[in-house]
Amino acid sequence: MYSEPELKDLLKVLPEDFKQKTNELWSYVDEKLIAFVGKVQRIYRDGICVQGEEALSKLVHLDMENYKIAKKLVDTGASFEATEDALLVAESENWLHMLASKGSNLTVLEMFEETIKERDSIVSKRVNETLGDDECGVLFMDPSRAVSLNEKIKVIKMCRFDPTDYLKSWQIRLKSKT
């Protein structure tokens, strides 16, 4: 789920039920992860380029609800891994800001998409390299991202609803009102 600051970067106005939907999503994820507390060895999060306590310090500023869940996992033995490359994250944020400006064009969109692909590749590589054969990890990531994990890694997607679909349907409803 997008955090409020992330969403404000993308949209001019927030959906009226954004806080409710955010709470609903994170409550659902927290409830599902209860079974894994004490069993998770690694935590990964898109946009996080540092590890350990420093990663938690970054996350607390990015998304408080995500932080609470990650902190609970760290407190029960999980380690927070550096998931992304800082330069690529900064580059994609700059492309995104350019896309939001009135002067954006197809080239800017293509450059943004290429940077996201590079970021996805880095995330895939970091998870594949750091998650041990008998380890359990949690990856918090935008659902539109595409990571390729080793076939030995079993994936369980925990998402009550797709946040991207929620935002698209809200934008359609907003446009139909005008």
C-alpha atoms as a PDB file:
ATOM      1  CA  MET A   1       0.000   0.000   0.000  1.00  0.00           C
ATOM      2  CA  TYR A   2       1.303   3.430  -0.805  1.00  0.00           C
ATOM      3  CA  SER A   3       2.080   5.545   2.221  1.00  0.00           C
ATOM      4  CA  GLU A   4       0.423   8.938   2.437  1.00  0.00           C
ATOM      5  CA  PRO A   5       3.609  10.826   1.402  1.00  0.00           C
ATOM      6  CA  GLU A   6       4.175   8.444  -1.550  1.00  0.00           C
ATOM      7  CA  LEU A   7       0.606   8.889  -2.709  1.00  0.00           C
ATOM      8  CA  LYS A   8       0.745  12.662  -2.362  1.00  0.00           C
ATOM      9  CA  ASP A   9       3.691  12.577  -4.770  1.00  0.00           C
ATOM     10  CA  LEU A  10       1.533  10.730  -7.306  1.00  0.00           C
ATOM     11  CA  LEU A  11      -1.856  12.402  -6.881  1.00  0.00           C
ATOM     12  CA  LYS A  12      -3.096  15.882  -6.163  1.00  0.00           C
ATOM     13  CA  VAL A  13      -5.784  14.704  -3.742  1.00  0.00           C
ATOM     14  CA  LEU A  14      -6.116  11.567  -1.606  1.00  0.00           C
ATOM     15  CA  PRO A  15      -9.117   9.234  -1.798  1.00  0.00           C
ATOM     16  CA  GLU A  16     -11.600   9.926   0.979  1.00  0.00           C
ATOM     17  CA  ASP A  17     -11.302   6.355   2.276  1.00  0.00           C
ATOM     18  CA  PHE A  18      -7.503   6.174   1.972  1.00  0.00           C
ATOM     19  CA  LYS A  19      -6.821   5.996   5.724  1.00  0.00           C
ATOM     20  CA  GLN A  20      -9.487   3.294   6.172  1.00  0.00           C
ATOM     21  CA  LYS A  21      -8.110   1.221   3.257  1.00  0.00           C
ATOM     22  CA  THR A  22      -4.546   1.647   4.505  1.00  0.00           C
ATOM     23  CA  ASN A  23      -5.521   0.437   7.967  1.00  0.00           C
ATOM     24  CA  GLU A  24      -7.491  -2.448   6.451  1.00  0.00           C
ATOM     25  CA  LEU A  25      -4.545  -3.612   4.342  1.00  0.00           C
ATOM     26  CA  TRP A  26      -1.924  -3.378   7.094  1.00  0.00           C
ATOM     27  CA  SER A  27      -4.236  -5.027   9.664  1.00  0.00           C
ATOM     28  CA  TYR A  28      -4.735  -7.892   7.242  1.00  0.00           C
ATOM     29  CA  VAL A  29      -0.989  -8.285   6.608  1.00  0.00           C
ATOM     30  CA  ASP A  30      -0.233  -8.077  10.335  1.00  0.00           C
ATOM     31  CA  GLU A  31      -2.872 -10.715  11.089  1.00  0.00           C
ATOM     32  CA  LYS A  32      -1.475 -13.074   8.428  1.00  0.00           C
ATOM     33  CA  LEU A  33       2.130 -12.594   9.556  1.00  0.00           C
ATOM     34  CA  ILE A  34       1.337 -13.544  13.175  1.00  0.00           C
ATOM     35  CA  ALA A  35       1.907 -17.182  12.219  1.00  0.00           C
ATOM     36  CA  PHE A  36       5.430 -16.274  11.039  1.00  0.00           C
ATOM     37  CA  VAL A  37       6.560 -14.183  14.027  1.00  0.00           C
ATOM     38  CA  GLY A  38       9.782 -15.733  15.328  1.00  0.00           C
ATOM     39  CA  LYS A  39      10.184 -17.743  12.112  1.00  0.00           C
ATOM     40  CA  VAL A  40      11.160 -14.909   9.750  1.00  0.00           C
ATOM     41  CA  GLN A  41      14.914 -14.516   9.322  1.00  0.00           C
ATOM     42  CA  ARG A  42      15.007 -11.775   6.648  1.00  0.00           C
ATOM     43  CA  ILE A  43      12.981  -8.660   5.852  1.00  0.00           C
ATOM     44  CA  TYR A  44      13.139  -6.829   2.523  1.00  0.00           C
ATOM     45  CA  ARG A  45      11.365  -3.603   1.545  1.00  0.00           C
ATOM     46  CA  ASP A  46      11.373  -1.693  -1.716  1.00  0.00           C
ATOM     47  CA  GLY A  47      13.022   1.684  -1.406  1.00  0.00           C
ATOM     48  CA  ILE A  48      15.270   0.560   1.480  1.00  0.00           C
ATOM     49  CA  CYS A  49      18.975   0.700   0.605  1.00  0.00           C
ATOM     50  CA  VAL A  50      20.495   0.110   4.058  1.00  0.00           C
ATOM     51  CA  GLN A  51      20.276  -2.746   6.534  1.00  0.00           C
ATOM     52  CA  GLY A  52      19.648  -3.432  10.214  1.00  0.00           C
ATOM     53  CA  GLU A  53      18.566  -0.671  12.570  1.00  0.00           C
ATOM     54  CA  GLU A  54      19.337   1.935   9.921  1.00  0.00           C
ATOM     55  CA  ALA A  55      16.735   0.302   7.656  1.00  0.00           C
ATOM     56  CA  LEU A  56      14.127   0.528  10.423  1.00  0.00           C
ATOM     57  CA  SER A  57      15.044   4.192  10.935  1.00  0.00           C
ATOM     58  CA  LYS A  58      14.430   4.859   7.234  1.00  0.00           C
ATOM     59  CA  LEU A  59      11.181   2.888   7.205  1.00  0.00           C
ATOM     60  CA  VAL A  60       9.710   4.754  10.167  1.00  0.00           C
ATOM     61  CA  HIS A  61       9.827   7.906   8.000  1.00  0.00           C
ATOM     62  CA  LEU A  62       8.515   6.181   4.865  1.00  0.00           C
ATOM     63  CA  ASP A  63       5.573   4.232   6.245  1.00  0.00           C
ATOM     64  CA  MET A  64       4.657   3.943   9.918  1.00  0.00           C
ATOM     65  CA  GLU A  65       2.255   1.016   9.452  1.00  0.00           C
ATOM     66  CA  ASN A  66       4.862  -0.999   7.552  1.00  0.00           C
ATOM     67  CA  TYR A  67       7.427  -0.021  10.195  1.00  0.00           C
ATOM     68  CA  LYS A  68       5.307  -1.445  13.034  1.00  0.00           C
ATOM     69  CA  ILE A  69       5.111  -4.844  11.351  1.00  0.00           C
ATOM     70  CA  ALA A  70       8.793  -4.891  10.358  1.00  0.00           C
ATOM     71  CA  LYS A  71       9.827  -3.836  13.885  1.00  0.00           C
ATOM     72  CA  LYS A  72       7.820  -6.699  15.386  1.00  0.00           C
ATOM     73  CA  LEU A  73       9.628  -9.135  13.076  1.00  0.00           C
ATOM     74  CA  VAL A  74      13.047  -7.639  13.894  1.00  0.00           C
ATOM     75  CA  ASP A  75      12.276  -7.816  17.617  1.00  0.00           C
ATOM     76  CA  THR A  76      11.643 -11.561  17.223  1.00  0.00           C
ATOM     77  CA  GLY A  77      14.895 -12.311  15.401  1.00  0.00           C
ATOM     78  CA  ALA A  78      14.597 -11.171  11.774  1.00  0.00           C
ATOM     79  CA  SER A  79      17.326  -9.105  10.145  1.00  0.00           C
ATOM     80  CA  PHE A  80      16.456  -6.224   7.845  1.00  0.00           C
ATOM     81  CA  GLU A  81      18.349  -6.489   4.560  1.00  0.00           C
ATOM     82  CA  ALA A  82      19.420  -3.691   2.239  1.00  0.00           C
ATOM     83  CA  THR A  83      17.009  -4.381  -0.614  1.00  0.00           C
ATOM     84  CA  GLU A  84      17.718  -1.769  -3.269  1.00  0.00           C
ATOM     85  CA  ASP A  85      20.441   0.370  -4.820  1.00  0.00           C
ATOM     86  CA  ALA A  86      20.312   3.975  -3.574  1.00  0.00           C
ATOM     87  CA  LEU A  87      21.334   5.485  -6.909  1.00  0.00           C
ATOM     88  CA  LEU A  88      18.574   3.640  -8.807  1.00  0.00           C
ATOM     89  CA  VAL A  89      15.971   4.604  -6.198  1.00  0.00           C
ATOM     90  CA  ALA A  90      16.968   8.279  -6.496  1.00  0.00           C
ATOM     91  CA  GLU A  91      16.962   8.047 -10.293  1.00  0.00           C
ATOM     92  CA  SER A  92      13.464   6.543 -10.422  1.00  0.00           C
ATOM     93  CA  GLU A  93      12.171   9.179  -7.972  1.00  0.00           C
ATOM     94  CA  ASN A  94      13.551  11.898 -10.232  1.00  0.00           C
ATOM     95  CA  TRP A  95      11.900  10.327 -13.291  1.00  0.00           C
ATOM     96  CA  LEU A  96       8.648  10.096 -11.333  1.00  0.00           C
ATOM     97  CA  HIS A  97       8.799  13.796 -10.423  1.00  0.00           C
ATOM     98  CA  MET A  98       9.431  14.617 -14.076  1.00  0.00           C
ATOM     99  CA  LEU A  99       6.416  12.495 -15.043  1.00  0.00           C
ATOM    100  CA  ALA A 100       4.276  14.449 -12.597  1.00  0.00           C
ATOM    101  CA  SER A 101       5.347  17.727 -14.189  1.00  0.00           C
ATOM    102  CA  LYS A 102       3.502  19.185 -17.131  1.00  0.00           C
ATOM    103  CA  GLY A 103       6.518  18.798 -19.400  1.00  0.00           C
ATOM    104  CA  SER A 104       6.723  15.019 -19.181  1.00  0.00           C
ATOM    105  CA  ASN A 105       6.794  12.931 -22.327  1.00  0.00           C
ATOM    106  CA  LEU A 106       7.037   9.358 -23.573  1.00  0.00           C
ATOM    107  CA  THR A 107      10.824   9.337 -23.273  1.00  0.00           C
ATOM    108  CA  VAL A 108      10.603  10.201 -19.563  1.00  0.00           C
ATOM    109  CA  LEU A 109       8.070   7.395 -19.054  1.00  0.00           C
ATOM    110  CA  GLU A 110      10.327   4.924 -20.853  1.00  0.00           C
ATOM    111  CA  MET A 111      13.320   5.979 -18.737  1.00  0.00           C
ATOM    112  CA  PHE A 112      11.264   5.598 -15.552  1.00  0.00           C
ATOM    113  CA  GLU A 113      10.095   2.123 -16.586  1.00  0.00           C
ATOM    114  CA  GLU A 114      13.660   1.092 -17.468  1.00  0.00           C
ATOM    115  CA  THR A 115      14.910   2.246 -14.068  1.00  0.00           C
ATOM    116  CA  ILE A 116      12.134   0.279 -12.330  1.00  0.00           C
ATOM    117  CA  LYS A 117      13.198  -2.835 -14.272  1.00  0.00           C
ATOM    118  CA  GLU A 118      16.775  -2.305 -13.091  1.00  0.00           C
ATOM    119  CA  ARG A 119      15.530  -1.891  -9.519  1.00  0.00           C
ATOM    120  CA  ASP A 120      13.477  -5.102  -9.821  1.00  0.00           C
ATOM    121  CA  SER A 121      16.593  -6.903 -10.999  1.00  0.00           C
ATOM    122  CA  ILE A 122      18.569  -5.646  -7.984  1.00  0.00           C
ATOM    123  CA  VAL A 123      15.792  -6.703  -5.570  1.00  0.00           C
ATOM    124  CA  SER A 124      15.655 -10.148  -7.185  1.00  0.00           C
ATOM    125  CA  LYS A 125      19.422 -10.527  -6.907  1.00  0.00           C
ATOM    126  CA  ARG A 126      19.540  -9.371  -3.262  1.00  0.00           C
ATOM    127  CA  VAL A 127      16.762 -11.724  -2.141  1.00  0.00           C
ATOM    128  CA  ASN A 128      18.200 -14.657  -4.088  1.00  0.00           C
ATOM    129  CA  GLU A 129      21.679 -14.049  -2.644  1.00  0.00           C
ATOM    130  CA  THR A 130      20.740 -13.409   0.993  1.00  0.00           C
ATOM    131  CA  LEU A 131      17.783 -15.693   1.721  1.00  0.00           C
ATOM    132  CA  GLY A 132      19.131 -19.062   2.835  1.00  0.00           C
ATOM    133  CA  ASP A 133      17.717 -22.406   1.732  1.00  0.00           C
ATOM    134  CA  ASP A 134      15.861 -23.054   4.989  1.00  0.00           C
ATOM    135  CA  GLU A 135      15.030 -19.435   5.781  1.00  0.00           C
ATOM    136  CA  CYS A 136      11.784 -17.518   5.753  1.00  0.00           C
ATOM    137  CA  GLY A 137      11.720 -13.949   4.461  1.00  0.00           C
ATOM    138  CA  VAL A 138       9.169 -11.186   4.048  1.00  0.00           C
ATOM    139  CA  LEU A 139       9.279  -8.801   1.092  1.00  0.00           C
ATOM    140  CA  PHE A 140       7.208  -5.622   1.338  1.00  0.00           C
ATOM    141  CA  MET A 141       6.879  -4.296  -2.199  1.00  0.00           C
ATOM    142  CA  ASP A 142       4.661  -2.315  -4.535  1.00  0.00           C
ATOM    143  CA  PRO A 143       2.410  -4.912  -6.234  1.00  0.00           C
ATOM    144  CA  SER A 144       3.208  -3.511  -9.676  1.00  0.00           C
ATOM    145  CA  ARG A 145       6.880  -4.421  -9.294  1.00  0.00           C
ATOM    146  CA  ALA A 146       8.150  -7.629 -10.910  1.00  0.00           C
ATOM    147  CA  VAL A 147      10.837  -9.603  -9.112  1.00  0.00           C
ATOM    148  CA  SER A 148      12.199 -12.941 -10.292  1.00  0.00           C
ATOM    149  CA  LEU A 149      13.024 -15.206  -7.398  1.00  0.00           C
ATOM    150  CA  ASN A 150      14.917 -18.472  -7.425  1.00  0.00           C
ATOM    151  CA  GLU A 151      12.576 -21.409  -8.115  1.00  0.00           C
ATOM    152  CA  LYS A 152      13.526 -22.873  -4.704  1.00  0.00           C
ATOM    153  CA  ILE A 153      11.858 -19.880  -3.027  1.00  0.00           C
ATOM    154  CA  LYS A 154       8.181 -20.462  -2.270  1.00  0.00           C
ATOM    155  CA  VAL A 155       6.111 -17.261  -2.446  1.00  0.00           C
ATOM    156  CA  ILE A 156       2.897 -16.522  -0.589  1.00  0.00           C
ATOM    157  CA  LYS A 157       1.320 -13.222  -1.611  1.00  0.00           C
ATOM    158  CA  MET A 158      -0.496 -11.522   1.260  1.00  0.00           C
ATOM    159  CA  CYS A 159      -2.689  -8.778  -0.065  1.00  0.00           C
ATOM    160  CA  ARG A 160      -6.348  -8.397   0.800  1.00  0.00           C
ATOM    161  CA  PHE A 161      -6.781  -6.180  -2.249  1.00  0.00           C
ATOM    162  CA  ASP A 162      -4.426  -4.839  -4.868  1.00  0.00           C
ATOM    163  CA  PRO A 163      -3.562  -1.248  -3.884  1.00  0.00           C
ATOM    164  CA  THR A 164      -2.946  -0.389  -7.538  1.00  0.00           C
ATOM    165  CA  ASP A 165      -6.480  -1.505  -8.477  1.00  0.00           C
ATOM    166  CA  TYR A 166      -7.878   0.477  -5.537  1.00  0.00           C
ATOM    167  CA  LEU A 167      -6.175   3.652  -6.790  1.00  0.00           C
ATOM    168  CA  LYS A 168      -7.166   3.108 -10.418  1.00  0.00           C
ATOM    169  CA  SER A 169     -10.825   2.582  -9.511  1.00  0.00           C
ATOM    170  CA  TRP A 170     -10.740   5.676  -7.279  1.00  0.00           C
ATOM    171  CA  GLN A 171      -9.298   7.758 -10.136  1.00  0.00           C
ATOM    172  CA  ILE A 172     -12.039   6.527 -12.477  1.00  0.00           C
ATOM    173  CA  ARG A 173     -14.712   7.413  -9.907  1.00  0.00           C
ATOM    174  CA  LEU A 174     -13.120  10.847  -9.450  1.00  0.00           C
ATOM    175  CA  LYS A 175     -13.084  11.506 -13.215  1.00  0.00           C
ATOM    176  CA  SER A 176     -16.711  10.418 -13.585  1.00  0.00           C
ATOM    177  CA  LYS A 177     -17.773  13.025 -11.004  1.00  0.00           C
ATOM    178  CA  THR A 178     -16.332  15.884 -13.078  1.00  0.00           C
END
